[in-house]
Protein backbone atom coordinates (compact mmCIF):
# COMPACT_ATOMS: atom_id res chain seq x y z
CA MET A 1 -0.12 0.07 -0.14
CA ILE A 2 2.93 2.51 0.91
CA LYS A 3 4.10 1.87 -2.56
CA LYS A 4 0.97 3.05 -3.93
CA ILE A 5 0.87 6.10 -2.03
CA ILE A 6 4.17 7.27 -3.71
CA TYR A 7 2.43 7.75 -6.98
CA THR A 8 -0.20 10.07 -5.40
CA ILE A 9 2.16 12.56 -3.64
CA VAL A 10 2.32 14.97 -6.67
CA LEU A 11 -1.07 14.20 -7.76
CA PHE A 12 -2.53 15.43 -4.46
CA THR A 13 -1.61 19.01 -5.13
CA LEU A 14 -3.44 19.27 -8.36
CA LEU A 15 -6.93 19.16 -6.53
CA ALA A 16 -6.54 22.38 -4.20
CA THR A 17 -9.22 24.59 -6.14
CA THR A 18 -12.70 25.60 -5.84
CA ALA A 19 -15.79 23.32 -6.72
CA ASN A 20 -16.86 25.54 -9.53
CA ALA A 21 -13.14 25.32 -11.29
CA LEU A 22 -13.57 21.37 -10.76
CA GLU A 23 -17.04 21.45 -12.59
CA GLY A 24 -16.21 23.87 -14.97
CA ASN A 25 -12.50 24.82 -16.45
CA ILE A 26 -10.89 22.01 -14.76
CA LYS A 27 -8.17 21.25 -17.21
CA GLU A 28 -7.37 24.84 -17.35
CA THR A 29 -7.06 25.09 -13.64
CA MET A 30 -5.33 22.06 -13.05
CA SER A 31 -2.68 23.05 -15.21
CA THR A 32 -2.07 25.87 -13.40
CA LYS A 33 -1.86 23.53 -10.21
CA ILE A 34 0.52 21.11 -11.94
CA HIS A 35 2.81 23.69 -13.07
CA SER A 36 3.08 25.19 -9.14
CA ALA A 37 3.29 21.74 -7.69
CA LEU A 38 6.05 20.67 -10.39
CA ASN A 39 7.93 24.15 -9.48
CA ILE A 40 7.91 23.04 -5.60
CA LEU A 41 9.05 19.46 -6.39
CA LYS A 42 11.84 20.63 -9.00
CA HIS A 43 13.46 23.05 -6.14
CA LYS A 44 16.16 21.10 -5.28
CA LYS A 45 17.70 23.39 -2.92
CA GLU A 46 14.59 22.84 -0.72
CA SER A 47 14.44 19.84 2.15
CA ASN A 48 11.22 17.24 1.53
CA LYS A 49 9.76 18.60 4.61
CA LEU A 50 9.78 22.29 3.30
CA LYS A 51 8.48 21.11 -0.01
CA ALA A 52 5.65 19.07 1.71
CA GLN A 53 4.78 22.40 3.65
CA GLU A 54 4.02 24.40 0.54
CA ILE A 55 2.04 21.44 -0.85
CA PHE A 56 -0.30 20.67 2.05
CA LYS A 57 -1.09 24.50 1.98
CA MET A 58 -1.99 23.81 -1.56
CA PHE A 59 -4.31 20.98 -1.21
CA ASN A 60 -5.38 20.84 2.41
CA GLU A 61 -9.18 22.24 1.81
CA ALA A 62 -9.40 19.60 -1.11
CA PHE A 63 -9.41 16.77 1.28
CA ASP A 64 -11.66 15.19 3.75
CA TYR A 65 -9.51 13.99 6.30
CA ASN A 66 -11.75 13.13 8.89
CA LEU A 67 -13.75 11.18 6.45
CA MET A 68 -10.92 9.34 5.07
CA ALA A 69 -9.59 8.27 8.71
CA ARG A 70 -13.25 6.92 9.38
CA LEU A 71 -13.50 5.16 6.14
CA SER A 72 -9.97 3.77 6.37
CA LEU A 73 -10.74 2.26 10.00
CA GLY A 74 -14.18 1.00 8.70
CA LYS A 75 -17.76 0.87 10.17
CA LYS A 76 -17.29 -2.28 12.12
CA HIS A 77 -14.40 -0.53 14.47
CA TRP A 78 -15.69 3.08 14.26
CA ILE A 79 -19.06 2.53 16.04
CA ASN A 80 -17.06 0.69 18.99
CA ILE A 81 -14.87 3.10 20.18
CA SER A 82 -15.57 6.30 22.13
CA LYS A 83 -15.65 10.19 21.23
CA ASP A 84 -11.96 10.86 22.82
CA GLU A 85 -10.72 7.54 20.91
CA LYS A 86 -11.87 8.85 17.66
CA GLU A 87 -10.43 12.19 18.03
CA ARG A 88 -7.03 10.50 19.08
CA TYR A 89 -7.21 8.07 15.80
CA ILE A 90 -8.05 10.79 13.66
CA LYS A 91 -5.36 13.02 14.54
CA THR A 92 -2.80 10.09 14.37
CA PHE A 93 -4.25 9.06 10.78
CA ILE A 94 -3.92 12.35 9.51
CA SER A 95 -0.07 12.97 10.83
CA LEU A 96 0.37 9.52 9.23
CA LEU A 97 -0.83 10.25 6.03
CA LYS A 98 0.85 13.43 5.70
CA GLN A 99 4.34 11.66 6.97
CA SER A 100 4.13 9.21 4.53
CA PHE A 101 3.77 11.44 1.75
CA ILE A 102 6.84 13.48 3.15
CA GLU A 103 9.06 10.44 3.14
CA LYS A 104 8.05 9.42 -0.37
CA LEU A 105 8.77 13.09 -1.72
CA LYS A 106 12.28 11.77 -2.62
CA LEU A 107 10.96 9.42 -5.03
CA TYR A 108 9.36 11.88 -7.31
CA ASN A 109 11.62 11.76 -10.58
CA ASN A 110 10.32 14.54 -12.95
CA GLN A 111 7.25 12.41 -13.92
CA ASP A 112 4.54 14.02 -16.25
CA ILE A 113 1.16 14.69 -14.96
CA VAL A 114 -1.99 14.28 -17.59
CA ILE A 115 -5.32 15.03 -16.37
CA LYS A 116 -7.96 12.92 -18.23
CA ASP A 117 -11.79 14.05 -17.00
CA PHE A 118 -13.59 14.92 -14.62
CA ILE A 119 -17.03 12.49 -14.38
CA LYS A 120 -20.08 13.09 -12.25
CA ASN A 121 -21.20 9.62 -11.32
CA ARG A 122 -24.26 10.99 -9.25
CA ALA A 123 -25.72 14.40 -8.35
CA ASN A 124 -23.00 14.08 -5.22
CA ARG A 125 -20.29 11.65 -6.12
CA ALA A 126 -17.83 12.21 -8.93
CA LYS A 127 -14.19 11.38 -10.11
CA LEU A 128 -11.17 12.88 -11.73
CA LEU A 129 -9.12 10.73 -13.96
CA THR A 130 -5.85 11.25 -14.32
CA LYS A 131 -2.07 9.72 -15.17
CA LEU A 132 1.24 9.83 -14.08
CA VAL A 133 3.67 9.18 -17.06
CA GLY A 134 7.17 8.11 -16.14
CA LYS A 135 10.13 7.27 -18.45
CA LYS A 136 9.26 3.72 -17.90
CA ASP A 137 5.52 3.49 -16.73
CA THR A 138 2.28 5.07 -16.75
CA VAL A 139 0.15 5.09 -13.73
CA ASN A 140 -3.53 5.77 -13.91
CA ILE A 141 -4.70 7.35 -10.92
CA ILE A 142 -8.75 8.21 -10.01
CA TYR A 143 -9.77 10.82 -7.17
CA LYS A 144 -13.35 10.24 -5.94
CA PHE A 145 -15.15 13.09 -4.73
CA TYR A 146 -18.16 13.60 -2.71
CA HIS A 147 -20.19 16.97 -2.64
CA SER A 148 -20.34 19.04 0.32
CA LYS A 149 -22.86 21.77 0.60
CA LYS A 150 -20.46 23.74 2.72
CA ARG A 151 -17.22 22.81 1.15
CA GLY A 152 -18.42 21.98 -2.46
CA TRP A 153 -16.60 18.87 -4.13
CA ILE A 154 -14.20 16.81 -1.63
CA ILE A 155 -11.73 14.04 -1.92
CA TYR A 156 -12.56 10.94 0.11
CA ASP A 157 -10.30 8.63 -1.54
CA VAL A 158 -7.70 7.65 -4.24
CA ILE A 159 -7.64 5.01 -6.50
CA VAL A 160 -4.12 4.17 -8.07
CA SER A 161 -3.62 1.13 -10.15
CA ASP A 162 -7.15 0.05 -9.43
CA VAL A 163 -6.14 -0.32 -5.83
CA SER A 164 -7.85 1.98 -3.07
CA ILE A 165 -5.64 3.83 -0.52
CA ILE A 166 -8.49 3.86 1.56
CA LYS A 167 -9.50 0.38 1.28
CA SER A 168 -5.96 -0.68 1.66
CA TYR A 169 -5.32 1.15 4.87
CA ARG A 170 -8.51 -0.52 6.07
CA GLU A 171 -7.46 -3.92 5.55
CA GLN A 172 -4.12 -3.50 7.47
CA PHE A 173 -5.65 -1.49 10.39
CA SER A 174 -8.44 -4.23 10.24
CA ASP A 175 -5.81 -6.85 10.82
CA LEU A 176 -3.93 -4.93 13.40
CA LEU A 177 -7.33 -4.61 15.45
CA ASN A 178 -8.17 -8.07 15.15
CA ASN A 179 -4.94 -8.82 17.37
CA MET A 180 -4.94 -6.12 19.64
CA ASP A 181 -6.85 -3.45 21.63
CA PHE A 182 -7.67 -0.03 20.12
CA ASP A 183 -4.98 1.70 22.49
CA ASP A 184 -2.19 -0.54 21.42
CA PHE A 185 -3.19 -0.11 18.07
CA LEU A 186 -3.00 3.61 18.29
CA LYS A 187 0.62 3.20 19.74
CA LYS A 188 1.47 0.98 16.90
CA ILE A 189 0.71 3.54 13.93
CA LYS A 190 1.63 6.32 16.01
CA LYS A 191 5.23 4.28 16.42
CA ALA A 192 4.96 4.04 12.45
CA ASN A 193 4.44 7.76 12.20
CA ILE A 194 7.85 8.19 14.60
CA LYS A 195 9.57 5.84 12.35
CA ASN A 196 8.47 7.65 9.13
CA SER A 197 9.62 11.07 10.71
CA ASN A 198 13.04 9.90 11.38
CA ALA A 199 13.62 8.12 8.05
């Protein structure tokens, strides 16, 4: 799953835009975002941490991190934990997700990004079709959106080469929770986060 996340790092930066832009002039808007993101990544003198901070500023509002955290945990486990546990888990999940991106930024190697189409599946569901084109391979990436009355189109999952990042996390988390209690689970993913930050 972590390998799949590698391919999403650059493409996450494309989606920090308004709902109207996504539905209307998406290709033009995304082209601007692409160049901004690539300029950040190609700035060799900046550390990965600084690059990541700039990129996060660009796309934070485009993602529903709370929903991503809940979906990653799964309904079975989510409904059985307390409010305090939910808050601690969400905070840990977001930190883990972002730290994974930072750690993988060094693997960016001048790939090109192509935006194919923005498709509305239903009135409140849509997907953005993109691909990451490298010298040796091409990776198809699909961003899944839901429509929020307050925030417009918000991303809640990313499909990389037919594999859902949320589903991948959920499978890993489920395996852990089937063999330990929730406190130990949180300690384990916090430990993974610290390990990534020190890598």
